[in-house]
Amino acid sequence: MKYKVVVTEKNRNPNEVTLNVIRDAGIDVEHVPCNSEDMVIDSAKNADVLLVGTVPETTAKILSSLPNLKMVGRSGVGVDSVDLDEATELGICVTNTPGINTSEVADHAMALLLSITRKIPELTQKTSAGDWSNNRESLDAIRGQLQRIAGKVVGIVGFGNIGGAFATRIRGFGPSKIIAFDPYVPQTTADLYGVELVDFDSVLSQSDIISVHMPATVETTHIFNDEAFNKMKNSAILINCARGPIIDETALQKALETEEIAHAGIDVTEVEPISEESPLLNLSNLKITPHFAGASQATAGEGSRRWGENAVNVLTGKRLHGLANPDVLKTIAVMRERGPNRWDGIPDPRF
């Protein structure tokens, strides 16, 4: 049987590594950049596998409109742009490639933090403009704004692999203590990193620095809102290299403008790419990077390979690199008992 994979990634072309992995397995693959539900449905009407990005979201309408679909594959860890409940109910696997960019995201969070505490962009700009020799006063003004991390309380919101990697990095800078909020992680795990698990309000009120590393879900959407910013220190620094919807951007803008918190550094926004007219871009105490935290030369190759391998493996019964909705296996079993279905002739997924 001939299978078909459709890549609908809108914001970038798929790496040739991804495409070659699929082609080498004798599977047809096509890249059709899509910017709407209807475009995805039309382009993937005969697809067995969809490889998707964050835009457009893979909605219930898309999933229910593709009768041959067996898998939706995301690269990286996040699967928040896919309707997991609908996929599970329909017997569609949702895959990712966990662990592929843990180091990069943790590094990027540290880089944003150091850019704020050490004023690297500002000092570089002024030095390039000749201020070191011609306008020393402007440099001296920045000197008084430089901060140390040693002795500060660091809070981590979301203590999975990336949260743990960030804890490992920040510990070398000598904070007085590291605390974290994650209701799904036991203290025994946090103990391995020398981290104390506390409730969310304690992270907000105690931390001088907060780094966010949680997924975007219904319960985490806008968890950083007006109320949360009210509980934070006026001197606090907030870093977000996780997902944009975790932070209410209107509340963030207000908190930064009124100096309810001191600084923020974000790699993600609620709508991506961020509009060039967004008022966030005009805030001097906010640094924004374009959702590049997980990128590196290393992840580009390995991540692309695993993305393609998931598409092949789900159709050939080989082990998946990551399955975000393992309950789908129960649905598939029920579907097989009831008669002909989208999984006919294909082994059960393995992960």
C-alpha atoms as a PDB file:
ATOM      1  CA  MET A   1       0.000   0.000   0.000  1.00  0.00           C
ATOM      2  CA  LYS A   2       1.263   3.479  -0.873  1.00  0.00           C
ATOM      3  CA  TYR A   3       1.176   6.004   1.957  1.00  0.00           C
ATOM      4  CA  LYS A   4       1.240   9.791   1.844  1.00  0.00           C
ATOM      5  CA  VAL A   5       2.749  12.354   4.203  1.00  0.00           C
ATOM      6  CA  VAL A   6       1.865  16.043   3.935  1.00  0.00           C
ATOM      7  CA  VAL A   7       3.947  18.755   5.615  1.00  0.00           C
ATOM      8  CA  THR A   8       1.830  21.852   6.311  1.00  0.00           C
ATOM      9  CA  GLU A   9       4.482  23.905   8.158  1.00  0.00           C
ATOM     10  CA  LYS A  10       3.782  27.528   7.226  1.00  0.00           C
ATOM     11  CA  ASN A  11       6.657  29.533   8.647  1.00  0.00           C
ATOM     12  CA  ARG A  12       9.599  27.542   7.273  1.00  0.00           C
ATOM     13  CA  ASN A  13      10.468  24.910   4.713  1.00  0.00           C
ATOM     14  CA  PRO A  14      11.037  21.402   6.071  1.00  0.00           C
ATOM     15  CA  ASN A  15      14.646  20.317   6.246  1.00  0.00           C
ATOM     16  CA  GLU A  16      15.731  18.018   3.418  1.00  0.00           C
ATOM     17  CA  VAL A  17      16.747  15.538   6.122  1.00  0.00           C
ATOM     18  CA  THR A  18      13.074  15.150   7.061  1.00  0.00           C
ATOM     19  CA  LEU A  19      11.952  14.725   3.473  1.00  0.00           C
ATOM     20  CA  ASN A  20      14.722  12.266   2.603  1.00  0.00           C
ATOM     21  CA  VAL A  21      13.966  10.021   5.588  1.00  0.00           C
ATOM     22  CA  ILE A  22      10.403   9.699   4.337  1.00  0.00           C
ATOM     23  CA  ARG A  23      11.314   9.308   0.665  1.00  0.00           C
ATOM     24  CA  ASP A  24      13.953   6.678   1.443  1.00  0.00           C
ATOM     25  CA  ALA A  25      11.209   4.595   3.079  1.00  0.00           C
ATOM     26  CA  GLY A  26       9.266   4.650  -0.192  1.00  0.00           C
ATOM     27  CA  ILE A  27       6.572   6.978   1.158  1.00  0.00           C
ATOM     28  CA  ASP A  28       5.244   9.932  -0.816  1.00  0.00           C
ATOM     29  CA  VAL A  29       5.802  13.291   0.869  1.00  0.00           C
ATOM     30  CA  GLU A  30       4.586  16.728  -0.132  1.00  0.00           C
ATOM     31  CA  HIS A  31       5.131  20.175   1.397  1.00  0.00           C
ATOM     32  CA  VAL A  32       2.121  22.480   1.156  1.00  0.00           C
ATOM     33  CA  PRO A  33       2.486  25.614   3.345  1.00  0.00           C
ATOM     34  CA  CYS A  34      -0.958  26.218   4.850  1.00  0.00           C
ATOM     35  CA  ASN A  35      -2.406  29.235   6.654  1.00  0.00           C
ATOM     36  CA  SER A  36      -5.969  28.095   7.376  1.00  0.00           C
ATOM     37  CA  GLU A  37      -8.056  25.087   8.408  1.00  0.00           C
ATOM     38  CA  ASP A  38      -9.626  24.775   4.969  1.00  0.00           C
ATOM     39  CA  MET A  39      -6.219  24.859   3.283  1.00  0.00           C
ATOM     40  CA  VAL A  40      -4.964  22.003   5.473  1.00  0.00           C
ATOM     41  CA  ILE A  41      -8.092  19.957   4.846  1.00  0.00           C
ATOM     42  CA  ASP A  42      -7.873  20.460   1.099  1.00  0.00           C
ATOM     43  CA  SER A  43      -4.134  19.737   0.931  1.00  0.00           C
ATOM     44  CA  ALA A  44      -4.201  16.682   3.190  1.00  0.00           C
ATOM     45  CA  LYS A  45      -7.484  15.021   2.215  1.00  0.00           C
ATOM     46  CA  ASN A  46      -5.678  11.773   1.321  1.00  0.00           C
ATOM     47  CA  ALA A  47      -2.866  12.034   3.869  1.00  0.00           C
ATOM     48  CA  ASP A  48      -1.915   9.249   6.246  1.00  0.00           C
ATOM     49  CA  VAL A  49       0.387  11.551   8.227  1.00  0.00           C
ATOM     50  CA  LEU A  50       0.470  15.300   8.809  1.00  0.00           C
ATOM     51  CA  LEU A  51       3.697  16.992   9.859  1.00  0.00           C
ATOM     52  CA  VAL A  52       2.693  20.351  11.292  1.00  0.00           C
ATOM     53  CA  GLY A  53       4.013  23.489  12.933  1.00  0.00           C
ATOM     54  CA  THR A  54       2.320  25.833  15.355  1.00  0.00           C
ATOM     55  CA  VAL A  55       0.369  27.691  12.659  1.00  0.00           C
ATOM     56  CA  PRO A  56      -2.324  26.950  11.681  1.00  0.00           C
ATOM     57  CA  GLU A  57      -3.520  24.977  14.683  1.00  0.00           C
ATOM     58  CA  THR A  58      -4.533  21.383  14.020  1.00  0.00           C
ATOM     59  CA  THR A  59      -8.138  21.671  15.132  1.00  0.00           C
ATOM     60  CA  ALA A  60     -10.969  19.201  15.651  1.00  0.00           C
ATOM     61  CA  LYS A  61     -12.389  20.295  12.294  1.00  0.00           C
ATOM     62  CA  ILE A  62      -9.160  19.360  10.518  1.00  0.00           C
ATOM     63  CA  LEU A  63      -8.794  16.039  12.317  1.00  0.00           C
ATOM     64  CA  SER A  64     -12.403  14.954  11.693  1.00  0.00           C
ATOM     65  CA  SER A  65     -12.141  15.896   8.004  1.00  0.00           C
ATOM     66  CA  LEU A  66      -9.231  13.570   7.179  1.00  0.00           C
ATOM     67  CA  PRO A  67     -10.478   9.950   7.159  1.00  0.00           C
ATOM     68  CA  ASN A  68      -7.096   8.359   6.364  1.00  0.00           C
ATOM     69  CA  LEU A  69      -5.096  10.282   8.957  1.00  0.00           C
ATOM     70  CA  LYS A  70      -3.166   8.172  11.434  1.00  0.00           C
ATOM     71  CA  MET A  71      -0.677  10.633  12.899  1.00  0.00           C
ATOM     72  CA  VAL A  72      -0.049  14.322  13.443  1.00  0.00           C
ATOM     73  CA  GLY A  73       3.645  14.973  14.042  1.00  0.00           C
ATOM     74  CA  ARG A  74       5.223  17.981  15.708  1.00  0.00           C
ATOM     75  CA  SER A  75       8.941  18.567  15.964  1.00  0.00           C
ATOM     76  CA  GLY A  76      10.244  19.544  19.374  1.00  0.00           C
ATOM     77  CA  VAL A  77       8.292  19.032  22.595  1.00  0.00           C
ATOM     78  CA  GLY A  78       5.196  21.228  22.276  1.00  0.00           C
ATOM     79  CA  VAL A  79       1.932  19.772  21.008  1.00  0.00           C
ATOM     80  CA  ASP A  80      -0.312  22.601  22.195  1.00  0.00           C
ATOM     81  CA  SER A  81      -1.324  23.502  18.641  1.00  0.00           C
ATOM     82  CA  VAL A  82      -2.996  20.087  18.187  1.00  0.00           C
ATOM     83  CA  ASP A  83      -6.402  19.147  19.638  1.00  0.00           C
ATOM     84  CA  LEU A  84      -5.205  16.144  21.654  1.00  0.00           C
ATOM     85  CA  ASP A  85      -8.636  15.115  22.926  1.00  0.00           C
ATOM     86  CA  GLU A  86     -10.148  15.020  19.446  1.00  0.00           C
ATOM     87  CA  ALA A  87      -7.142  13.183  18.049  1.00  0.00           C
ATOM     88  CA  THR A  88      -7.371  10.545  20.774  1.00  0.00           C
ATOM     89  CA  GLU A  89     -11.110  10.078  20.232  1.00  0.00           C
ATOM     90  CA  LEU A  90     -10.583   9.620  16.488  1.00  0.00           C
ATOM     91  CA  GLY A  91      -7.672   7.201  16.904  1.00  0.00           C
ATOM     92  CA  ILE A  92      -5.008   9.583  15.604  1.00  0.00           C
ATOM     93  CA  CYS A  93      -1.537   9.565  17.172  1.00  0.00           C
ATOM     94  CA  VAL A  94       0.060  12.884  18.068  1.00  0.00           C
ATOM     95  CA  THR A  95       3.833  12.650  18.174  1.00  0.00           C
ATOM     96  CA  ASN A  96       6.714  14.909  19.153  1.00  0.00           C
ATOM     97  CA  THR A  97      10.467  14.640  19.614  1.00  0.00           C
ATOM     98  CA  PRO A  98      11.030  15.220  23.344  1.00  0.00           C
ATOM     99  CA  GLY A  99      14.489  16.028  24.647  1.00  0.00           C
ATOM    100  CA  ILE A 100      15.831  17.191  21.328  1.00  0.00           C
ATOM    101  CA  ASN A 101      16.300  20.835  22.349  1.00  0.00           C
ATOM    102  CA  THR A 102      16.473  20.732  26.150  1.00  0.00           C
ATOM    103  CA  SER A 103      19.989  22.178  26.262  1.00  0.00           C
ATOM    104  CA  GLU A 104      19.227  24.895  23.737  1.00  0.00           C
ATOM    105  CA  VAL A 105      16.108  26.199  25.508  1.00  0.00           C
ATOM    106  CA  ALA A 106      17.812  26.198  28.910  1.00  0.00           C
ATOM    107  CA  ASP A 107      20.808  28.008  27.382  1.00  0.00           C
ATOM    108  CA  HIS A 108      18.537  30.581  25.736  1.00  0.00           C
ATOM    109  CA  ALA A 109      16.738  31.285  29.001  1.00  0.00           C
ATOM    110  CA  MET A 110      20.115  31.911  30.642  1.00  0.00           C
ATOM    111  CA  ALA A 111      21.167  34.107  27.721  1.00  0.00           C
ATOM    112  CA  LEU A 112      18.046  36.267  28.031  1.00  0.00           C
ATOM    113  CA  LEU A 113      18.605  36.570  31.761  1.00  0.00           C
ATOM    114  CA  LEU A 114      22.259  37.547  31.361  1.00  0.00           C
ATOM    115  CA  SER A 115      21.349  40.032  28.623  1.00  0.00           C
ATOM    116  CA  ILE A 116      19.138  41.735  31.198  1.00  0.00           C
ATOM    117  CA  THR A 117      21.367  41.518  34.261  1.00  0.00           C
ATOM    118  CA  ARG A 118      24.596  42.396  32.422  1.00  0.00           C
ATOM    119  CA  LYS A 119      23.052  44.765  29.814  1.00  0.00           C
ATOM    120  CA  ILE A 120      24.932  43.032  27.002  1.00  0.00           C
ATOM    121  CA  PRO A 121      22.894  44.443  24.071  1.00  0.00           C
ATOM    122  CA  GLU A 122      23.022  48.004  25.431  1.00  0.00           C
ATOM    123  CA  LEU A 123      26.760  47.896  26.125  1.00  0.00           C
ATOM    124  CA  THR A 124      27.491  46.376  22.735  1.00  0.00           C
ATOM    125  CA  GLN A 125      25.453  49.040  20.964  1.00  0.00           C
ATOM    126  CA  LYS A 126      27.119  51.913  22.808  1.00  0.00           C
ATOM    127  CA  THR A 127      30.602  50.503  22.334  1.00  0.00           C
ATOM    128  CA  SER A 128      29.961  50.083  18.597  1.00  0.00           C
ATOM    129  CA  ALA A 129      28.786  53.707  18.484  1.00  0.00           C
ATOM    130  CA  GLY A 130      32.127  54.869  19.934  1.00  0.00           C
ATOM    131  CA  ASP A 131      30.850  55.743  23.408  1.00  0.00           C
ATOM    132  CA  TRP A 132      33.752  53.992  25.140  1.00  0.00           C
ATOM    133  CA  SER A 133      36.132  56.675  23.911  1.00  0.00           C
ATOM    134  CA  ASN A 134      33.758  59.584  23.188  1.00  0.00           C
ATOM    135  CA  ASN A 135      30.866  59.347  25.671  1.00  0.00           C
ATOM    136  CA  ARG A 136      32.038  57.531  28.753  1.00  0.00           C
ATOM    137  CA  GLU A 137      29.216  59.096  30.790  1.00  0.00           C
ATOM    138  CA  SER A 138      26.596  57.059  28.913  1.00  0.00           C
ATOM    139  CA  LEU A 139      28.477  53.873  29.763  1.00  0.00           C
ATOM    140  CA  ASP A 140      28.807  54.847  33.402  1.00  0.00           C
ATOM    141  CA  ALA A 141      25.030  55.267  33.568  1.00  0.00           C
ATOM    142  CA  ILE A 142      24.636  51.619  32.573  1.00  0.00           C
ATOM    143  CA  ARG A 143      27.335  50.499  35.026  1.00  0.00           C
ATOM    144  CA  GLY A 144      25.021  51.323  37.905  1.00  0.00           C
ATOM    145  CA  GLN A 145      22.258  49.123  36.468  1.00  0.00           C
ATOM    146  CA  LEU A 146      24.285  45.912  36.278  1.00  0.00           C
ATOM    147  CA  GLN A 147      23.145  43.094  38.571  1.00  0.00           C
ATOM    148  CA  ARG A 148      24.524  39.894  40.036  1.00  0.00           C
ATOM    149  CA  ILE A 149      22.606  36.630  40.188  1.00  0.00           C
ATOM    150  CA  ALA A 150      24.525  35.362  43.225  1.00  0.00           C
ATOM    151  CA  GLY A 151      22.477  35.661  46.392  1.00  0.00           C
ATOM    152  CA  LYS A 152      19.128  35.974  44.631  1.00  0.00           C
ATOM    153  CA  VAL A 153      16.135  33.650  44.866  1.00  0.00           C
ATOM    154  CA  VAL A 154      15.436  31.921  41.557  1.00  0.00           C
ATOM    155  CA  GLY A 155      11.997  30.487  40.804  1.00  0.00           C
ATOM    156  CA  ILE A 156      11.223  27.975  38.076  1.00  0.00           C
ATOM    157  CA  VAL A 157       7.669  27.442  36.859  1.00  0.00           C
ATOM    158  CA  GLY A 158       7.411  24.027  35.233  1.00  0.00           C
ATOM    159  CA  PHE A 159      10.039  21.514  36.330  1.00  0.00           C
ATOM    160  CA  GLY A 160      10.315  19.013  33.508  1.00  0.00           C
ATOM    161  CA  ASN A 161      13.482  18.287  31.556  1.00  0.00           C
ATOM    162  CA  ILE A 162      14.049  21.897  30.523  1.00  0.00           C
ATOM    163  CA  GLY A 163      13.240  23.267  33.963  1.00  0.00           C
ATOM    164  CA  GLY A 164      15.776  20.872  35.429  1.00  0.00           C
ATOM    165  CA  ALA A 165      18.369  21.848  32.837  1.00  0.00           C
ATOM    166  CA  PHE A 166      17.832  25.506  33.674  1.00  0.00           C
ATOM    167  CA  ALA A 167      18.255  24.740  37.387  1.00  0.00           C
ATOM    168  CA  THR A 168      21.580  23.057  36.649  1.00  0.00           C
ATOM    169  CA  ARG A 169      22.801  26.117  34.752  1.00  0.00           C
ATOM    170  CA  ILE A 170      21.589  28.783  37.164  1.00  0.00           C
ATOM    171  CA  ARG A 171      23.053  26.953  40.171  1.00  0.00           C
ATOM    172  CA  GLY A 172      26.552  27.791  38.933  1.00  0.00           C
ATOM    173  CA  PHE A 173      25.802  31.496  39.383  1.00  0.00           C
ATOM    174  CA  GLY A 174      25.330  31.134  43.141  1.00  0.00           C
ATOM    175  CA  PRO A 175      21.676  31.938  43.906  1.00  0.00           C
ATOM    176  CA  SER A 176      20.682  31.838  47.563  1.00  0.00           C
ATOM    177  CA  LYS A 177      18.122  29.171  46.733  1.00  0.00           C
ATOM    178  CA  ILE A 178      16.169  27.723  43.825  1.00  0.00           C
ATOM    179  CA  ILE A 179      12.452  27.068  44.203  1.00  0.00           C
ATOM    180  CA  ALA A 180      10.024  25.623  41.677  1.00  0.00           C
ATOM    181  CA  PHE A 181       6.330  25.098  41.045  1.00  0.00           C
ATOM    182  CA  ASP A 182       5.136  21.984  39.264  1.00  0.00           C
ATOM    183  CA  PRO A 183       2.187  20.006  40.666  1.00  0.00           C
ATOM    184  CA  TYR A 184       3.132  16.966  38.580  1.00  0.00           C
ATOM    185  CA  VAL A 185       6.676  16.541  39.880  1.00  0.00           C
ATOM    186  CA  PRO A 186       7.547  14.956  43.279  1.00  0.00           C
ATOM    187  CA  GLN A 187       9.994  16.550  45.699  1.00  0.00           C
ATOM    188  CA  THR A 188      12.247  13.509  45.334  1.00  0.00           C
ATOM    189  CA  THR A 189      12.861  14.523  41.714  1.00  0.00           C
ATOM    190  CA  ALA A 190      13.481  18.152  42.631  1.00  0.00           C
ATOM    191  CA  ASP A 191      15.926  16.994  45.327  1.00  0.00           C
ATOM    192  CA  LEU A 192      18.213  15.708  42.584  1.00  0.00           C
ATOM    193  CA  TYR A 193      18.723  19.334  41.510  1.00  0.00           C
ATOM    194  CA  GLY A 194      18.788  20.889  44.963  1.00  0.00           C
ATOM    195  CA  VAL A 195      15.441  22.550  44.272  1.00  0.00           C
ATOM    196  CA  GLU A 196      12.571  23.087  46.726  1.00  0.00           C
ATOM    197  CA  LEU A 197       9.066  22.606  45.363  1.00  0.00           C
ATOM    198  CA  VAL A 198       6.597  25.252  46.532  1.00  0.00           C
ATOM    199  CA  ASP A 199       3.191  26.534  45.429  1.00  0.00           C
ATOM    200  CA  PHE A 200       2.772  29.033  42.618  1.00  0.00           C
ATOM    201  CA  ASP A 201       2.105  31.997  44.906  1.00  0.00           C
ATOM    202  CA  SER A 202       5.329  31.312  46.792  1.00  0.00           C
ATOM    203  CA  VAL A 203       7.328  31.376  43.561  1.00  0.00           C
ATOM    204  CA  LEU A 204       5.706  34.689  42.656  1.00  0.00           C
ATOM    205  CA  SER A 205       6.253  36.385  46.010  1.00  0.00           C
ATOM    206  CA  GLN A 206       9.718  35.041  46.886  1.00  0.00           C
ATOM    207  CA  SER A 207      11.575  35.030  43.575  1.00  0.00           C
ATOM    208  CA  ASP A 208      13.939  37.683  42.276  1.00  0.00           C
ATOM    209  CA  ILE A 209      14.119  35.795  38.972  1.00  0.00           C
ATOM    210  CA  ILE A 210      11.407  33.562  37.473  1.00  0.00           C
ATOM    211  CA  SER A 211      11.993  31.332  34.458  1.00  0.00           C
ATOM    212  CA  VAL A 212       8.987  29.642  32.832  1.00  0.00           C
ATOM    213  CA  HIS A 213       9.257  26.122  31.387  1.00  0.00           C
ATOM    214  CA  MET A 214       5.706  24.712  31.374  1.00  0.00           C
ATOM    215  CA  PRO A 215       3.474  23.628  28.477  1.00  0.00           C
ATOM    216  CA  ALA A 216       0.534  25.699  27.275  1.00  0.00           C
ATOM    217  CA  THR A 217      -2.681  24.048  28.477  1.00  0.00           C
ATOM    218  CA  VAL A 218      -6.107  25.203  29.568  1.00  0.00           C
ATOM    219  CA  GLU A 219      -4.882  25.405  33.161  1.00  0.00           C
ATOM    220  CA  THR A 220      -1.685  27.325  32.336  1.00  0.00           C
ATOM    221  CA  THR A 221      -3.150  29.834  29.866  1.00  0.00           C
ATOM    222  CA  HIS A 222      -2.630  33.363  31.280  1.00  0.00           C
ATOM    223  CA  ILE A 223      -1.349  31.945  34.566  1.00  0.00           C
ATOM    224  CA  PHE A 224       0.801  35.086  34.556  1.00  0.00           C
ATOM    225  CA  ASN A 225      -1.930  37.728  34.711  1.00  0.00           C
ATOM    226  CA  ASP A 226      -2.608  40.959  36.608  1.00  0.00           C
ATOM    227  CA  GLU A 227      -3.043  39.055  39.867  1.00  0.00           C
ATOM    228  CA  ALA A 228       0.223  37.176  39.398  1.00  0.00           C
ATOM    229  CA  PHE A 229       2.210  40.313  38.571  1.00  0.00           C
ATOM    230  CA  ASN A 230       0.745  42.029  41.663  1.00  0.00           C
ATOM    231  CA  LYS A 231       2.307  39.311  43.819  1.00  0.00           C
ATOM    232  CA  MET A 232       5.776  39.593  42.261  1.00  0.00           C
ATOM    233  CA  LYS A 233       8.589  41.788  43.536  1.00  0.00           C
ATOM    234  CA  ASN A 234       9.008  45.183  41.887  1.00  0.00           C
ATOM    235  CA  SER A 235      12.608  44.173  41.190  1.00  0.00           C
ATOM    236  CA  ALA A 236      11.662  40.807  39.657  1.00  0.00           C
ATOM    237  CA  ILE A 237      12.855  39.548  36.262  1.00  0.00           C
ATOM    238  CA  LEU A 238      10.579  37.219  34.284  1.00  0.00           C
ATOM    239  CA  ILE A 239      11.905  34.901  31.552  1.00  0.00           C
ATOM    240  CA  ASN A 240       9.623  32.890  29.257  1.00  0.00           C
ATOM    241  CA  CYS A 241      11.054  30.416  26.759  1.00  0.00           C
ATOM    242  CA  ALA A 242       8.040  28.088  26.944  1.00  0.00           C
ATOM    243  CA  ARG A 243       4.794  29.166  25.265  1.00  0.00           C
ATOM    244  CA  GLY A 244       3.304  32.605  24.634  1.00  0.00           C
ATOM    245  CA  PRO A 245      -0.247  32.038  25.952  1.00  0.00           C
ATOM    246  CA  ILE A 246       1.122  31.331  29.437  1.00  0.00           C
ATOM    247  CA  ILE A 247       1.500  35.108  29.852  1.00  0.00           C
ATOM    248  CA  ASP A 248      -1.322  37.610  29.451  1.00  0.00           C
ATOM    249  CA  GLU A 249       0.506  40.138  27.270  1.00  0.00           C
ATOM    250  CA  THR A 250      -1.788  43.021  28.220  1.00  0.00           C
ATOM    251  CA  ALA A 251      -1.001  42.355  31.870  1.00  0.00           C
ATOM    252  CA  LEU A 252       2.709  42.010  31.077  1.00  0.00           C
ATOM    253  CA  GLN A 253       2.744  45.348  29.261  1.00  0.00           C
ATOM    254  CA  LYS A 254       1.032  47.033  32.199  1.00  0.00           C
ATOM    255  CA  ALA A 255       3.375  45.424  34.743  1.00  0.00           C
ATOM    256  CA  LEU A 256       6.461  46.587  32.837  1.00  0.00           C
ATOM    257  CA  GLU A 257       5.166  50.088  32.118  1.00  0.00           C
ATOM    258  CA  THR A 258       4.207  50.688  35.757  1.00  0.00           C
ATOM    259  CA  GLU A 259       7.375  48.959  37.017  1.00  0.00           C
ATOM    260  CA  GLU A 260       5.299  46.424  38.868  1.00  0.00           C
ATOM    261  CA  ILE A 261       8.123  44.132  37.761  1.00  0.00           C
ATOM    262  CA  ALA A 262      11.507  45.329  36.605  1.00  0.00           C
ATOM    263  CA  HIS A 263      12.311  43.378  33.445  1.00  0.00           C
ATOM    264  CA  ALA A 264      11.199  40.519  31.233  1.00  0.00           C
ATOM    265  CA  GLY A 265      12.762  38.459  28.475  1.00  0.00           C
ATOM    266  CA  ILE A 266      10.554  36.342  26.227  1.00  0.00           C
ATOM    267  CA  ASP A 267      11.191  34.069  23.260  1.00  0.00           C
ATOM    268  CA  VAL A 268       7.489  33.396  22.619  1.00  0.00           C
ATOM    269  CA  THR A 269       4.363  35.515  22.173  1.00  0.00           C
ATOM    270  CA  GLU A 270       0.630  34.857  22.210  1.00  0.00           C
ATOM    271  CA  VAL A 271       0.397  35.364  18.444  1.00  0.00           C
ATOM    272  CA  GLU A 272       3.430  34.484  16.356  1.00  0.00           C
ATOM    273  CA  PRO A 273       5.077  36.187  14.671  1.00  0.00           C
ATOM    274  CA  ILE A 274       4.486  39.207  16.858  1.00  0.00           C
ATOM    275  CA  SER A 275       2.984  42.160  14.987  1.00  0.00           C
ATOM    276  CA  GLU A 276       5.409  44.958  14.152  1.00  0.00           C
ATOM    277  CA  GLU A 277       2.802  47.274  15.691  1.00  0.00           C
ATOM    278  CA  SER A 278       2.719  45.483  19.041  1.00  0.00           C
ATOM    279  CA  PRO A 279       3.270  47.899  21.947  1.00  0.00           C
ATOM    280  CA  LEU A 280       5.514  45.281  23.546  1.00  0.00           C
ATOM    281  CA  LEU A 281       8.215  46.136  21.018  1.00  0.00           C
ATOM    282  CA  ASN A 282       8.475  49.649  22.424  1.00  0.00           C
ATOM    283  CA  LEU A 283       9.222  48.625  26.010  1.00  0.00           C
ATOM    284  CA  SER A 284      12.820  49.292  27.010  1.00  0.00           C
ATOM    285  CA  ASN A 285      12.621  46.782  29.890  1.00  0.00           C
ATOM    286  CA  LEU A 286      11.486  43.892  27.686  1.00  0.00           C
ATOM    287  CA  LYS A 287      13.717  41.789  25.454  1.00  0.00           C
ATOM    288  CA  ILE A 288      12.078  39.627  22.772  1.00  0.00           C
ATOM    289  CA  THR A 289      13.592  36.955  20.542  1.00  0.00           C
ATOM    290  CA  PRO A 290      11.669  35.247  17.669  1.00  0.00           C
ATOM    291  CA  HIS A 291      10.921  31.779  19.104  1.00  0.00           C
ATOM    292  CA  PHE A 292      14.471  30.605  18.425  1.00  0.00           C
ATOM    293  CA  ALA A 293      15.236  29.165  21.869  1.00  0.00           C
ATOM    294  CA  GLY A 294      15.151  25.556  20.677  1.00  0.00           C
ATOM    295  CA  ALA A 295      17.251  26.164  17.587  1.00  0.00           C
ATOM    296  CA  SER A 296      20.859  25.169  16.996  1.00  0.00           C
ATOM    297  CA  GLN A 297      22.953  23.421  14.402  1.00  0.00           C
ATOM    298  CA  ALA A 298      22.635  20.243  16.458  1.00  0.00           C
ATOM    299  CA  THR A 299      18.843  20.294  16.795  1.00  0.00           C
ATOM    300  CA  ALA A 300      18.339  21.199  13.152  1.00  0.00           C
ATOM    301  CA  GLY A 301      19.776  17.905  11.986  1.00  0.00           C
ATOM    302  CA  GLU A 302      18.704  15.528  14.744  1.00  0.00           C
ATOM    303  CA  GLY A 303      15.263  17.065  15.192  1.00  0.00           C
ATOM    304  CA  SER A 304      14.567  16.972  11.467  1.00  0.00           C
ATOM    305  CA  ARG A 305      15.595  13.330  11.288  1.00  0.00           C
ATOM    306  CA  ARG A 306      13.360  12.299  14.185  1.00  0.00           C
ATOM    307  CA  TRP A 307      10.448  14.305  12.787  1.00  0.00           C
ATOM    308  CA  GLY A 308      10.663  12.323   9.571  1.00  0.00           C
ATOM    309  CA  GLU A 309      11.279   9.034  11.368  1.00  0.00           C
ATOM    310  CA  ASN A 310       8.065   9.409  13.357  1.00  0.00           C
ATOM    311  CA  ALA A 311       6.138   9.649  10.082  1.00  0.00           C
ATOM    312  CA  VAL A 312       7.771   6.467   8.812  1.00  0.00           C
ATOM    313  CA  ASN A 313       7.678   4.579  12.097  1.00  0.00           C
ATOM    314  CA  VAL A 314       3.962   5.049  12.729  1.00  0.00           C
ATOM    315  CA  LEU A 315       3.218   3.475   9.342  1.00  0.00           C
ATOM    316  CA  THR A 316       5.650   0.588   9.743  1.00  0.00           C
ATOM    317  CA  GLY A 317       5.151  -0.389  13.385  1.00  0.00           C
ATOM    318  CA  LYS A 318       8.507   0.900  14.606  1.00  0.00           C
ATOM    319  CA  ARG A 319       9.003   2.740  17.889  1.00  0.00           C
ATOM    320  CA  LEU A 320       7.984   6.397  17.944  1.00  0.00           C
ATOM    321  CA  HIS A 321      10.284   9.008  19.431  1.00  0.00           C
ATOM    322  CA  GLY A 322       7.422  10.511  21.413  1.00  0.00           C
ATOM    323  CA  LEU A 323       3.670   9.899  21.726  1.00  0.00           C
ATOM    324  CA  ALA A 324       1.783  12.763  23.349  1.00  0.00           C
ATOM    325  CA  ASN A 325      -1.565  10.934  23.607  1.00  0.00           C
ATOM    326  CA  PRO A 326      -0.826   7.333  24.686  1.00  0.00           C
ATOM    327  CA  ASP A 327      -4.529   6.737  25.419  1.00  0.00           C
ATOM    328  CA  VAL A 328      -4.991   6.633  21.654  1.00  0.00           C
ATOM    329  CA  LEU A 329      -3.820   3.009  21.775  1.00  0.00           C
ATOM    330  CA  LYS A 330      -7.060   2.081  23.565  1.00  0.00           C
ATOM    331  CA  THR A 331      -9.088   3.858  20.891  1.00  0.00           C
ATOM    332  CA  ILE A 332      -7.233   2.029  18.132  1.00  0.00           C
ATOM    333  CA  ALA A 333      -7.901  -1.312  19.825  1.00  0.00           C
ATOM    334  CA  VAL A 334     -11.625  -0.568  19.979  1.00  0.00           C
ATOM    335  CA  MET A 335     -11.626   0.559  16.347  1.00  0.00           C
ATOM    336  CA  ARG A 336     -10.039  -2.737  15.262  1.00  0.00           C
ATOM    337  CA  GLU A 337     -12.718  -4.720  17.110  1.00  0.00           C
ATOM    338  CA  ARG A 338     -15.520  -2.804  15.407  1.00  0.00           C
ATOM    339  CA  GLY A 339     -14.364  -3.435  11.851  1.00  0.00           C
ATOM    340  CA  PRO A 340     -12.619  -1.626   8.969  1.00  0.00           C
ATOM    341  CA  ASN A 341     -10.909   1.583  10.025  1.00  0.00           C
ATOM    342  CA  ARG A 342      -8.043   3.982   9.284  1.00  0.00           C
ATOM    343  CA  TRP A 343      -5.499   1.577  10.846  1.00  0.00           C
ATOM    344  CA  ASP A 344      -6.261  -1.414   8.605  1.00  0.00           C
ATOM    345  CA  GLY A 345      -3.051  -3.106   7.505  1.00  0.00           C
ATOM    346  CA  ILE A 346      -0.838  -1.084   9.875  1.00  0.00           C
ATOM    347  CA  PRO A 347       0.675  -2.449  13.134  1.00  0.00           C
ATOM    348  CA  ASP A 348      -0.226  -0.866  16.463  1.00  0.00           C
ATOM    349  CA  PRO A 349       1.923   2.196  17.273  1.00  0.00           C
ATOM    350  CA  ARG A 350       4.873   1.607  19.609  1.00  0.00           C
ATOM    351  CA  PHE A 351       6.526   4.136  21.913  1.00  0.00           C
END
